[in-house]
Amino acid sequence: MFDTRVYLRRLGYCGPVEPTIDTLRRLHRDHLLTIPYDNSNFPEEGETLPDNLADLDLDATFDKIVVRALGGICFELNLLFQRLLDELGFDTMAVSAGVIQDRGVFSPDLSHKFTVVTLDGRRWLADVGFSGPSYVEPLRLSPEVQPQHGCRFRVVEQDGRHTVLRSSRVGGWQPVYRFALVERRPAEWDGFTERFEQFLDESVMASTTMMCRATENGHHVLVGKRYLRVEDGNERLAALVDPVEYRQTVDYILRSVSSPCEQRERT
């Protein structure tokens, strides 16, 4: 069953819980450092892909991600994180996005789900379930450049949609995903699974394993056998052809992180 105290302990969060931007930043960062993105166990063994990706059982998802310390996809991770923020008194809404693909097109608008938080009249993007390098701390809904760990981010609006842009030290501005600032309800994903599977088949992404974990200064991303390391804005891409190296990388990304709270309890 969903338990705020257990969740915070899992994240290693021992700070204030008042709904402030400082609390949001710390929770967001701790979440990304602690819990990885992992689509290899969604659905879990023996289960079928749900007809509605956004209409997930909250308690079962909590058990998987928090209690059993597994990774998850955006629909799982951001479902839990939004509920946590709601429990702490934040003003949130669920938003969906289309994600940029290798061939320069965006996936369907319901492909990705994250949270927009309103604080003191300003909106912040909170996303702890993205499959690639992105922002480690919440992002202001603003075209202003926002530096984070050697990378830069900004959110621009055009034709009623917002696009998150990212720039590393080795390249110019590139889109991450785009979205309409509209609150989404789970029922809007009815019938979307079949359409999304068809898109993945056409983009040669079907059954591709995707894993991602944030680090103190960037992200480690594994898509199939392609391994991207982003460290202080510098990017290194490698193909993992050695099975041992591949297994070590998977273990690193999915490793269990001992939280500061847990460490204190042992001493």
Foldseek 3Di string as FASTA:
>chain_A
DDDLVLQCVQLLHDDDLAPDLVNQQVSLLSLQQFAKAWCPPVPHPPDDHDLFLQPDDLVVLCCVCRVVPFHHAQSSSQVSVVVSNVVSPWDKFKWFWFFADPVGDTHDRRPHIHMWTADPNWIWTRGSGDQDWDASGIHTQAQDWDDALQKIWGWDDDPQKIWIWIAFPPDDTDTGIMTHPDGDDSVVRRNVVVVRQVVCVVSVQPPWIWMKGADPRIIWIQTRQWIWDAGSRDIDIDGRPDPVVSVVSVCVRGPGDNHPVNVVVVD
